[in-house]
Amino acid sequence: MNEMNQSFLREYSSDFAVMKYSKKTAGLGINFILESEYGPIYLKSVREQLQAPVENGIRMLEFGCGAGMNLIYCMGLFNRNGIPIEQAYGTDFSERLITEARSELRALPSSLRVRVGFSVARNETIGTDLATTLNVRAEKVRRSFHFIFGVNTFRYPYRLGKGENCARGIYELLMPGGVCVVIDMNNKFPMFRTRLRDKATRPAGECYLPTLKEYAQPFASAGFEILENRNFCWVPHSAGRGLLVLTRAVSPVLTSLVPSFAMRSLVVCRRPL
């Protein structure tokens, strides 16, 4: 494991990472964002953009899942909206966060809990790592997912020069007609606290944020059809009550005036039929 990998692993195995990426301690902002920003994107992906046939239910995967809050939220969201779920998996390179994600499953009813699994896997070798942890041949997981998504995670393989490896791995895991959603930090947004901190304490290569075009390029190169590629969302994940009220109030104005400076970059892509 190279030095940059080791640095990221130390960061995402810490107590701070568990607090930051667990829903109960992440802040009020993430609860609002899941319901009002990310949730509609997930629903649109499987209701309108998915072309792969759904028989026994959606098979989905979150890569770089952290402590699992997006995947667990997605399970409840799809269930409430009458979207059947056959199986869901979350993967992350941090064994500490995967352990925390398994404990977070208590938030789901038992009927959904039994359909979720969490595995240690790296984004850039996701297919082979997932097959290994599931103790199945790699062919078993190829073309087996309808919906794959990742939040605040694609920038890491990109920094390592492995963005195209990650995109190709996701392409192989998706069924033809399957959809991938990538949400990550926008390099044009000037006020990320973590980015300011990282610039002061880390080498430049560990702080790099891709442009919106750079987030999409590896997926286009892998053969995906790019369906959406835009910036959105002005509410920080960690926002407390006061900051949440403020950012919700100014969001419509900022979106109208300077949409390219929003906090998040979004890429929605589909494996062709």
C-alpha atoms as a PDB file:
ATOM      1  CA  MET A   1       0.000   0.000   0.000  1.00  0.00           C
ATOM      2  CA  ASN A   2       1.507   3.350  -1.014  1.00  0.00           C
ATOM      3  CA  GLU A   3       1.872   6.346   1.294  1.00  0.00           C
ATOM      4  CA  MET A   4      -1.268   8.132   0.059  1.00  0.00           C
ATOM      5  CA  ASN A   5      -3.362   4.987   0.563  1.00  0.00           C
ATOM      6  CA  GLN A   6      -1.992   4.612   4.072  1.00  0.00           C
ATOM      7  CA  SER A   7      -2.809   8.242   4.861  1.00  0.00           C
ATOM      8  CA  PHE A   8      -6.418   7.855   3.706  1.00  0.00           C
ATOM      9  CA  LEU A   9      -6.788   4.560   5.600  1.00  0.00           C
ATOM     10  CA  ARG A  10      -5.576   6.158   8.844  1.00  0.00           C
ATOM     11  CA  GLU A  11      -8.054   9.005   8.359  1.00  0.00           C
ATOM     12  CA  TYR A  12     -11.014   6.708   7.697  1.00  0.00           C
ATOM     13  CA  SER A  13     -10.213   4.333  10.536  1.00  0.00           C
ATOM     14  CA  SER A  14     -10.298   7.064  13.180  1.00  0.00           C
ATOM     15  CA  ASP A  15     -12.955   7.854  15.803  1.00  0.00           C
ATOM     16  CA  PHE A  16     -13.547  11.159  13.993  1.00  0.00           C
ATOM     17  CA  ALA A  17     -14.390   9.309  10.764  1.00  0.00           C
ATOM     18  CA  VAL A  18     -16.900   7.119  12.573  1.00  0.00           C
ATOM     19  CA  MET A  19     -18.611  10.215  14.001  1.00  0.00           C
ATOM     20  CA  LYS A  20     -18.526  12.062  10.651  1.00  0.00           C
ATOM     21  CA  TYR A  21     -19.943   9.189   8.605  1.00  0.00           C
ATOM     22  CA  SER A  22     -22.513   7.794  11.052  1.00  0.00           C
ATOM     23  CA  LYS A  23     -25.952   9.335  10.623  1.00  0.00           C
ATOM     24  CA  LYS A  24     -26.627   9.777  14.333  1.00  0.00           C
ATOM     25  CA  THR A  25     -23.530  11.979  14.774  1.00  0.00           C
ATOM     26  CA  ALA A  26     -22.992  13.447  11.277  1.00  0.00           C
ATOM     27  CA  GLY A  27     -25.174  16.532  11.778  1.00  0.00           C
ATOM     28  CA  LEU A  28     -28.639  17.789  10.886  1.00  0.00           C
ATOM     29  CA  GLY A  29     -27.495  18.719   7.391  1.00  0.00           C
ATOM     30  CA  ILE A  30     -27.164  15.138   6.172  1.00  0.00           C
ATOM     31  CA  ASN A  31     -30.696  14.282   7.279  1.00  0.00           C
ATOM     32  CA  PHE A  32     -32.085  17.177   5.225  1.00  0.00           C
ATOM     33  CA  ILE A  33     -29.846  16.380   2.244  1.00  0.00           C
ATOM     34  CA  LEU A  34     -30.832  12.723   2.147  1.00  0.00           C
ATOM     35  CA  GLU A  35     -34.521  13.599   2.097  1.00  0.00           C
ATOM     36  CA  SER A  36     -34.467  16.690  -0.137  1.00  0.00           C
ATOM     37  CA  GLU A  37     -31.390  16.418  -2.368  1.00  0.00           C
ATOM     38  CA  TYR A  38     -30.013  12.885  -2.682  1.00  0.00           C
ATOM     39  CA  GLY A  39     -33.258  10.948  -2.224  1.00  0.00           C
ATOM     40  CA  PRO A  40     -34.962  12.420  -5.317  1.00  0.00           C
ATOM     41  CA  ILE A  41     -31.846  11.612  -7.381  1.00  0.00           C
ATOM     42  CA  TYR A  42     -31.875   7.986  -6.213  1.00  0.00           C
ATOM     43  CA  LEU A  43     -35.589   7.634  -6.955  1.00  0.00           C
ATOM     44  CA  LYS A  44     -35.271   9.176 -10.405  1.00  0.00           C
ATOM     45  CA  SER A  45     -32.391   6.839 -11.205  1.00  0.00           C
ATOM     46  CA  VAL A  46     -34.386   3.675 -10.611  1.00  0.00           C
ATOM     47  CA  ARG A  47     -37.810   4.936 -11.703  1.00  0.00           C
ATOM     48  CA  GLU A  48     -36.915   6.860 -14.871  1.00  0.00           C
ATOM     49  CA  GLN A  49     -33.320   6.161 -15.924  1.00  0.00           C
ATOM     50  CA  LEU A  50     -32.933   2.454 -15.195  1.00  0.00           C
ATOM     51  CA  GLN A  51     -33.414   0.286 -18.293  1.00  0.00           C
ATOM     52  CA  ALA A  52     -32.270  -3.086 -16.931  1.00  0.00           C
ATOM     53  CA  PRO A  53     -35.208  -5.446 -16.239  1.00  0.00           C
ATOM     54  CA  VAL A  54     -36.259  -5.732 -12.602  1.00  0.00           C
ATOM     55  CA  GLU A  55     -37.626  -9.172 -11.779  1.00  0.00           C
ATOM     56  CA  ASN A  56     -37.234 -10.114  -8.104  1.00  0.00           C
ATOM     57  CA  GLY A  57     -36.267  -6.588  -7.060  1.00  0.00           C
ATOM     58  CA  ILE A  58     -33.489  -4.020  -7.298  1.00  0.00           C
ATOM     59  CA  ARG A  59     -29.925  -5.174  -6.644  1.00  0.00           C
ATOM     60  CA  MET A  60     -27.885  -2.192  -5.538  1.00  0.00           C
ATOM     61  CA  LEU A  61     -24.390  -1.366  -4.319  1.00  0.00           C
ATOM     62  CA  GLU A  62     -22.886   1.649  -2.589  1.00  0.00           C
ATOM     63  CA  PHE A  63     -19.130   1.958  -3.097  1.00  0.00           C
ATOM     64  CA  GLY A  64     -17.171   3.886  -0.478  1.00  0.00           C
ATOM     65  CA  CYS A  65     -20.164   3.509   1.831  1.00  0.00           C
ATOM     66  CA  GLY A  66     -18.468   4.680   5.037  1.00  0.00           C
ATOM     67  CA  ALA A  67     -20.713   3.811   7.977  1.00  0.00           C
ATOM     68  CA  GLY A  68     -23.580   2.992   5.611  1.00  0.00           C
ATOM     69  CA  MET A  69     -25.952   5.916   6.134  1.00  0.00           C
ATOM     70  CA  ASN A  70     -26.694   6.455   2.423  1.00  0.00           C
ATOM     71  CA  LEU A  71     -27.324   2.779   1.736  1.00  0.00           C
ATOM     72  CA  ILE A  72     -29.478   2.329   4.830  1.00  0.00           C
ATOM     73  CA  TYR A  73     -31.442   5.453   3.917  1.00  0.00           C
ATOM     74  CA  CYS A  74     -31.860   4.165   0.360  1.00  0.00           C
ATOM     75  CA  MET A  75     -33.257   0.868   1.632  1.00  0.00           C
ATOM     76  CA  GLY A  76     -35.962   2.694   3.577  1.00  0.00           C
ATOM     77  CA  LEU A  77     -36.632   5.159   0.750  1.00  0.00           C
ATOM     78  CA  PHE A  78     -37.175   2.478  -1.873  1.00  0.00           C
ATOM     79  CA  ASN A  79     -39.276   0.414   0.503  1.00  0.00           C
ATOM     80  CA  ARG A  80     -41.545   3.396   1.308  1.00  0.00           C
ATOM     81  CA  ASN A  81     -41.983   4.079  -2.402  1.00  0.00           C
ATOM     82  CA  GLY A  82     -42.924   0.544  -3.343  1.00  0.00           C
ATOM     83  CA  ILE A  83     -39.638  -0.314  -5.095  1.00  0.00           C
ATOM     84  CA  PRO A  84     -38.814  -3.969  -4.358  1.00  0.00           C
ATOM     85  CA  ILE A  85     -35.278  -4.730  -3.155  1.00  0.00           C
ATOM     86  CA  GLU A  86     -33.668  -8.092  -3.728  1.00  0.00           C
ATOM     87  CA  GLN A  87     -30.218  -7.366  -2.282  1.00  0.00           C
ATOM     88  CA  ALA A  88     -28.009  -4.431  -1.291  1.00  0.00           C
ATOM     89  CA  TYR A  89     -24.295  -4.270  -0.565  1.00  0.00           C
ATOM     90  CA  GLY A  90     -22.044  -1.563   0.819  1.00  0.00           C
ATOM     91  CA  THR A  91     -18.271  -1.575   0.325  1.00  0.00           C
ATOM     92  CA  ASP A  92     -15.505   0.518   1.859  1.00  0.00           C
ATOM     93  CA  PHE A  93     -11.748   0.163   2.204  1.00  0.00           C
ATOM     94  CA  SER A  94     -11.934   0.927   5.944  1.00  0.00           C
ATOM     95  CA  GLU A  95     -12.673  -2.153   8.027  1.00  0.00           C
ATOM     96  CA  ARG A  96     -13.462   0.156  10.961  1.00  0.00           C
ATOM     97  CA  LEU A  97     -16.248   1.884   9.016  1.00  0.00           C
ATOM     98  CA  ILE A  98     -17.620  -1.410   7.688  1.00  0.00           C
ATOM     99  CA  THR A  99     -17.880  -2.673  11.271  1.00  0.00           C
ATOM    100  CA  GLU A 100     -19.758   0.508  12.204  1.00  0.00           C
ATOM    101  CA  ALA A 101     -22.035   0.140   9.157  1.00  0.00           C
ATOM    102  CA  ARG A 102     -23.053  -3.359  10.259  1.00  0.00           C
ATOM    103  CA  SER A 103     -24.039  -2.006  13.666  1.00  0.00           C
ATOM    104  CA  GLU A 104     -26.071   0.777  12.007  1.00  0.00           C
ATOM    105  CA  LEU A 105     -28.326  -1.839  10.414  1.00  0.00           C
ATOM    106  CA  ARG A 106     -30.364  -1.789  13.626  1.00  0.00           C
ATOM    107  CA  ALA A 107     -32.151   1.229  12.133  1.00  0.00           C
ATOM    108  CA  LEU A 108     -33.839  -1.024   9.558  1.00  0.00           C
ATOM    109  CA  PRO A 109     -36.720  -3.442  10.153  1.00  0.00           C
ATOM    110  CA  SER A 110     -35.633  -7.081  10.104  1.00  0.00           C
ATOM    111  CA  SER A 111     -37.371  -7.691   6.763  1.00  0.00           C
ATOM    112  CA  LEU A 112     -34.957  -5.224   5.125  1.00  0.00           C
ATOM    113  CA  ARG A 113     -31.951  -5.873   7.353  1.00  0.00           C
ATOM    114  CA  VAL A 114     -31.520  -9.417   6.034  1.00  0.00           C
ATOM    115  CA  ARG A 115     -31.165  -8.052   2.486  1.00  0.00           C
ATOM    116  CA  VAL A 116     -28.096  -5.889   3.266  1.00  0.00           C
ATOM    117  CA  GLY A 117     -24.453  -6.887   3.417  1.00  0.00           C
ATOM    118  CA  PHE A 118     -21.304  -4.841   4.034  1.00  0.00           C
ATOM    119  CA  SER A 119     -17.858  -5.828   2.744  1.00  0.00           C
ATOM    120  CA  VAL A 120     -14.336  -4.451   2.804  1.00  0.00           C
ATOM    121  CA  ALA A 121     -13.367  -3.535  -0.780  1.00  0.00           C
ATOM    122  CA  ARG A 122     -11.355  -0.844  -2.499  1.00  0.00           C
ATOM    123  CA  ASN A 123     -13.052   1.368  -5.080  1.00  0.00           C
ATOM    124  CA  GLU A 124     -10.390   0.752  -7.715  1.00  0.00           C
ATOM    125  CA  THR A 125     -10.612  -3.065  -7.401  1.00  0.00           C
ATOM    126  CA  ILE A 126     -14.238  -3.254  -6.360  1.00  0.00           C
ATOM    127  CA  GLY A 127     -15.344  -6.234  -8.456  1.00  0.00           C
ATOM    128  CA  THR A 128     -12.586  -8.630  -7.468  1.00  0.00           C
ATOM    129  CA  ASP A 129     -12.598  -7.476  -3.828  1.00  0.00           C
ATOM    130  CA  LEU A 130     -16.378  -7.895  -3.549  1.00  0.00           C
ATOM    131  CA  ALA A 131     -16.239 -11.369  -5.080  1.00  0.00           C
ATOM    132  CA  THR A 132     -13.455 -12.355  -2.670  1.00  0.00           C
ATOM    133  CA  THR A 133     -15.300 -11.184   0.448  1.00  0.00           C
ATOM    134  CA  LEU A 134     -18.520 -12.869  -0.725  1.00  0.00           C
ATOM    135  CA  ASN A 135     -16.519 -16.027  -1.463  1.00  0.00           C
ATOM    136  CA  VAL A 136     -17.824 -16.324  -5.014  1.00  0.00           C
ATOM    137  CA  ARG A 137     -16.173 -16.293  -8.437  1.00  0.00           C
ATOM    138  CA  ALA A 138     -15.793 -12.876 -10.058  1.00  0.00           C
ATOM    139  CA  GLU A 139     -18.234 -13.892 -12.812  1.00  0.00           C
ATOM    140  CA  LYS A 140     -20.946 -14.208 -10.173  1.00  0.00           C
ATOM    141  CA  VAL A 141     -20.977 -10.487  -9.414  1.00  0.00           C
ATOM    142  CA  ARG A 142     -20.464  -9.192 -12.952  1.00  0.00           C
ATOM    143  CA  ARG A 143     -23.569  -7.724 -14.572  1.00  0.00           C
ATOM    144  CA  SER A 144     -25.488  -8.375 -11.353  1.00  0.00           C
ATOM    145  CA  PHE A 145     -26.484  -4.870 -10.162  1.00  0.00           C
ATOM    146  CA  HIS A 146     -29.235  -2.519 -11.300  1.00  0.00           C
ATOM    147  CA  PHE A 147     -28.081   0.533  -9.350  1.00  0.00           C
ATOM    148  CA  ILE A 148     -24.639   1.534  -8.030  1.00  0.00           C
ATOM    149  CA  PHE A 149     -23.865   4.794  -6.253  1.00  0.00           C
ATOM    150  CA  GLY A 150     -21.078   6.508  -4.349  1.00  0.00           C
ATOM    151  CA  VAL A 151     -21.073   9.678  -2.246  1.00  0.00           C
ATOM    152  CA  ASN A 152     -17.908  11.639  -1.413  1.00  0.00           C
ATOM    153  CA  THR A 153     -15.681   8.757  -2.465  1.00  0.00           C
ATOM    154  CA  PHE A 154     -14.785   8.897  -6.160  1.00  0.00           C
ATOM    155  CA  ARG A 155     -12.236  11.665  -5.577  1.00  0.00           C
ATOM    156  CA  TYR A 156      -9.967   9.185  -3.761  1.00  0.00           C
ATOM    157  CA  PRO A 157      -9.313   6.732  -6.628  1.00  0.00           C
ATOM    158  CA  TYR A 158      -9.055   9.764  -8.915  1.00  0.00           C
ATOM    159  CA  ARG A 159      -6.284  11.208  -6.728  1.00  0.00           C
ATOM    160  CA  LEU A 160      -4.508   7.861  -6.864  1.00  0.00           C
ATOM    161  CA  GLY A 161      -4.661   7.826 -10.661  1.00  0.00           C
ATOM    162  CA  LYS A 162      -7.158   4.943 -10.476  1.00  0.00           C
ATOM    163  CA  GLY A 163     -10.354   6.725 -11.503  1.00  0.00           C
ATOM    164  CA  GLU A 164     -10.675   4.758 -14.730  1.00  0.00           C
ATOM    165  CA  ASN A 165     -10.092   1.473 -12.862  1.00  0.00           C
ATOM    166  CA  CYS A 166     -12.966   2.347 -10.548  1.00  0.00           C
ATOM    167  CA  ALA A 167     -15.279   3.337 -13.412  1.00  0.00           C
ATOM    168  CA  ARG A 168     -14.474   0.166 -15.384  1.00  0.00           C
ATOM    169  CA  GLY A 169     -15.089  -1.950 -12.298  1.00  0.00           C
ATOM    170  CA  ILE A 170     -18.503  -0.364 -11.817  1.00  0.00           C
ATOM    171  CA  TYR A 171     -19.277  -0.860 -15.514  1.00  0.00           C
ATOM    172  CA  GLU A 172     -18.539  -4.578 -15.174  1.00  0.00           C
ATOM    173  CA  LEU A 173     -20.748  -4.901 -12.091  1.00  0.00           C
ATOM    174  CA  LEU A 174     -23.780  -3.212 -13.666  1.00  0.00           C
ATOM    175  CA  MET A 175     -26.306  -5.006 -15.811  1.00  0.00           C
ATOM    176  CA  PRO A 176     -26.761  -3.534 -19.293  1.00  0.00           C
ATOM    177  CA  GLY A 177     -29.192  -0.674 -18.712  1.00  0.00           C
ATOM    178  CA  GLY A 178     -28.030  -0.281 -15.098  1.00  0.00           C
ATOM    179  CA  VAL A 179     -27.416   3.162 -13.593  1.00  0.00           C
ATOM    180  CA  CYS A 180     -24.549   4.639 -11.578  1.00  0.00           C
ATOM    181  CA  VAL A 181     -24.784   7.833  -9.491  1.00  0.00           C
ATOM    182  CA  VAL A 182     -21.658   9.638  -8.290  1.00  0.00           C
ATOM    183  CA  ILE A 183     -21.900  12.576  -5.863  1.00  0.00           C
ATOM    184  CA  ASP A 184     -18.740  14.321  -4.664  1.00  0.00           C
ATOM    185  CA  MET A 185     -17.221  17.658  -3.648  1.00  0.00           C
ATOM    186  CA  ASN A 186     -17.219  20.469  -6.228  1.00  0.00           C
ATOM    187  CA  ASN A 187     -13.749  21.943  -6.754  1.00  0.00           C
ATOM    188  CA  LYS A 188     -15.287  25.396  -7.414  1.00  0.00           C
ATOM    189  CA  PHE A 189     -16.953  25.670  -4.006  1.00  0.00           C
ATOM    190  CA  PRO A 190     -14.563  27.879  -1.996  1.00  0.00           C
ATOM    191  CA  MET A 191     -15.468  27.167   1.619  1.00  0.00           C
ATOM    192  CA  PHE A 192     -15.133  23.450   2.454  1.00  0.00           C
ATOM    193  CA  ARG A 193     -13.702  23.323   5.978  1.00  0.00           C
ATOM    194  CA  THR A 194     -12.048  19.964   5.363  1.00  0.00           C
ATOM    195  CA  ARG A 195     -10.435  21.238   2.181  1.00  0.00           C
ATOM    196  CA  LEU A 196      -8.964  24.262   3.934  1.00  0.00           C
ATOM    197  CA  ARG A 197      -7.664  22.009   6.701  1.00  0.00           C
ATOM    198  CA  ASP A 198      -6.214  19.486   4.242  1.00  0.00           C
ATOM    199  CA  LYS A 199      -4.438  22.159   2.224  1.00  0.00           C
ATOM    200  CA  ALA A 200      -2.676  23.251   5.401  1.00  0.00           C
ATOM    201  CA  THR A 201      -1.686  19.751   6.541  1.00  0.00           C
ATOM    202  CA  ARG A 202      -1.441  17.424   3.527  1.00  0.00           C
ATOM    203  CA  PRO A 203       0.587  17.149   0.305  1.00  0.00           C
ATOM    204  CA  ALA A 204      -1.152  18.726  -2.708  1.00  0.00           C
ATOM    205  CA  GLY A 205      -1.896  15.350  -4.305  1.00  0.00           C
ATOM    206  CA  GLU A 206      -3.982  14.276  -1.309  1.00  0.00           C
ATOM    207  CA  CYS A 207      -6.159  17.414  -1.521  1.00  0.00           C
ATOM    208  CA  TYR A 208      -6.958  17.517  -5.229  1.00  0.00           C
ATOM    209  CA  LEU A 209     -10.620  17.806  -6.177  1.00  0.00           C
ATOM    210  CA  PRO A 210     -11.608  16.828  -9.732  1.00  0.00           C
ATOM    211  CA  THR A 211     -13.545  19.236 -11.901  1.00  0.00           C
ATOM    212  CA  LEU A 212     -17.077  18.330 -12.963  1.00  0.00           C
ATOM    213  CA  LYS A 213     -15.668  17.218 -16.324  1.00  0.00           C
ATOM    214  CA  GLU A 214     -12.999  15.123 -14.595  1.00  0.00           C
ATOM    215  CA  TYR A 215     -15.588  13.324 -12.479  1.00  0.00           C
ATOM    216  CA  ALA A 216     -17.461  12.306 -15.659  1.00  0.00           C
ATOM    217  CA  GLN A 217     -14.518  11.508 -17.942  1.00  0.00           C
ATOM    218  CA  PRO A 218     -13.548   8.068 -16.507  1.00  0.00           C
ATOM    219  CA  PHE A 219     -17.148   6.890 -16.837  1.00  0.00           C
ATOM    220  CA  ALA A 220     -17.392   8.093 -20.423  1.00  0.00           C
ATOM    221  CA  SER A 221     -14.089   6.334 -21.177  1.00  0.00           C
ATOM    222  CA  ALA A 222     -15.400   3.121 -19.618  1.00  0.00           C
ATOM    223  CA  GLY A 223     -18.330   3.136 -22.064  1.00  0.00           C
ATOM    224  CA  PHE A 224     -21.074   4.719 -19.972  1.00  0.00           C
ATOM    225  CA  GLU A 225     -23.748   7.004 -21.366  1.00  0.00           C
ATOM    226  CA  ILE A 226     -23.639  10.226 -19.314  1.00  0.00           C
ATOM    227  CA  LEU A 227     -27.219  11.159 -18.387  1.00  0.00           C
ATOM    228  CA  GLU A 228     -26.587  14.058 -15.980  1.00  0.00           C
ATOM    229  CA  ASN A 229     -23.500  16.080 -15.147  1.00  0.00           C
ATOM    230  CA  ARG A 230     -24.128  19.134 -12.967  1.00  0.00           C
ATOM    231  CA  ASN A 231     -23.484  20.912  -9.678  1.00  0.00           C
ATOM    232  CA  PHE A 232     -26.087  21.129  -6.922  1.00  0.00           C
ATOM    233  CA  CYS A 233     -26.732  21.444  -3.157  1.00  0.00           C
ATOM    234  CA  TRP A 234     -25.697  24.300  -0.840  1.00  0.00           C
ATOM    235  CA  VAL A 235     -26.243  22.581   2.516  1.00  0.00           C
ATOM    236  CA  PRO A 236     -23.185  21.102   4.308  1.00  0.00           C
ATOM    237  CA  HIS A 237     -23.460  17.511   5.551  1.00  0.00           C
ATOM    238  CA  SER A 238     -22.401  18.644   9.008  1.00  0.00           C
ATOM    239  CA  ALA A 239     -24.702  21.689   9.243  1.00  0.00           C
ATOM    240  CA  GLY A 240     -26.256  22.403  12.621  1.00  0.00           C
ATOM    241  CA  ARG A 241     -29.685  23.959  13.043  1.00  0.00           C
ATOM    242  CA  GLY A 242     -28.684  27.587  12.394  1.00  0.00           C
ATOM    243  CA  LEU A 243     -26.522  26.864   9.345  1.00  0.00           C
ATOM    244  CA  LEU A 244     -29.186  24.525   7.957  1.00  0.00           C
ATOM    245  CA  VAL A 245     -31.844  27.259   8.180  1.00  0.00           C
ATOM    246  CA  LEU A 246     -29.522  29.797   6.544  1.00  0.00           C
ATOM    247  CA  THR A 247     -28.340  27.601   3.667  1.00  0.00           C
ATOM    248  CA  ARG A 248     -31.867  26.370   2.931  1.00  0.00           C
ATOM    249  CA  ALA A 249     -33.041  30.001   2.729  1.00  0.00           C
ATOM    250  CA  VAL A 250     -30.308  31.148   0.330  1.00  0.00           C
ATOM    251  CA  SER A 251     -30.162  27.993  -1.813  1.00  0.00           C
ATOM    252  CA  PRO A 252     -32.746  29.070  -4.443  1.00  0.00           C
ATOM    253  CA  VAL A 253     -30.976  32.397  -4.982  1.00  0.00           C
ATOM    254  CA  LEU A 254     -27.511  30.819  -5.223  1.00  0.00           C
ATOM    255  CA  THR A 255     -28.759  28.107  -7.589  1.00  0.00           C
ATOM    256  CA  SER A 256     -30.247  30.782  -9.822  1.00  0.00           C
ATOM    257  CA  LEU A 257     -27.172  33.032  -9.814  1.00  0.00           C
ATOM    258  CA  VAL A 258     -24.110  30.750  -9.510  1.00  0.00           C
ATOM    259  CA  PRO A 259     -25.120  27.086  -9.989  1.00  0.00           C
ATOM    260  CA  SER A 260     -21.606  25.978 -10.967  1.00  0.00           C
ATOM    261  CA  PHE A 261     -20.327  26.952  -7.488  1.00  0.00           C
ATOM    262  CA  ALA A 262     -22.694  24.660  -5.539  1.00  0.00           C
ATOM    263  CA  MET A 263     -21.152  22.270  -3.021  1.00  0.00           C
ATOM    264  CA  ARG A 264     -21.657  18.992  -4.863  1.00  0.00           C
ATOM    265  CA  SER A 265     -20.846  17.556  -8.271  1.00  0.00           C
ATOM    266  CA  LEU A 266     -23.239  14.992  -9.719  1.00  0.00           C
ATOM    267  CA  VAL A 267     -22.645  12.424 -12.457  1.00  0.00           C
ATOM    268  CA  VAL A 268     -25.440  10.053 -13.440  1.00  0.00           C
ATOM    269  CA  CYS A 269     -24.502   7.495 -16.069  1.00  0.00           C
ATOM    270  CA  ARG A 270     -25.918   4.306 -17.550  1.00  0.00           C
ATOM    271  CA  ARG A 271     -24.390   1.196 -19.024  1.00  0.00           C
ATOM    272  CA  PRO A 272     -25.856   0.889 -22.526  1.00  0.00           C
ATOM    273  CA  LEU A 273     -28.228  -1.952 -23.300  1.00  0.00           C
END
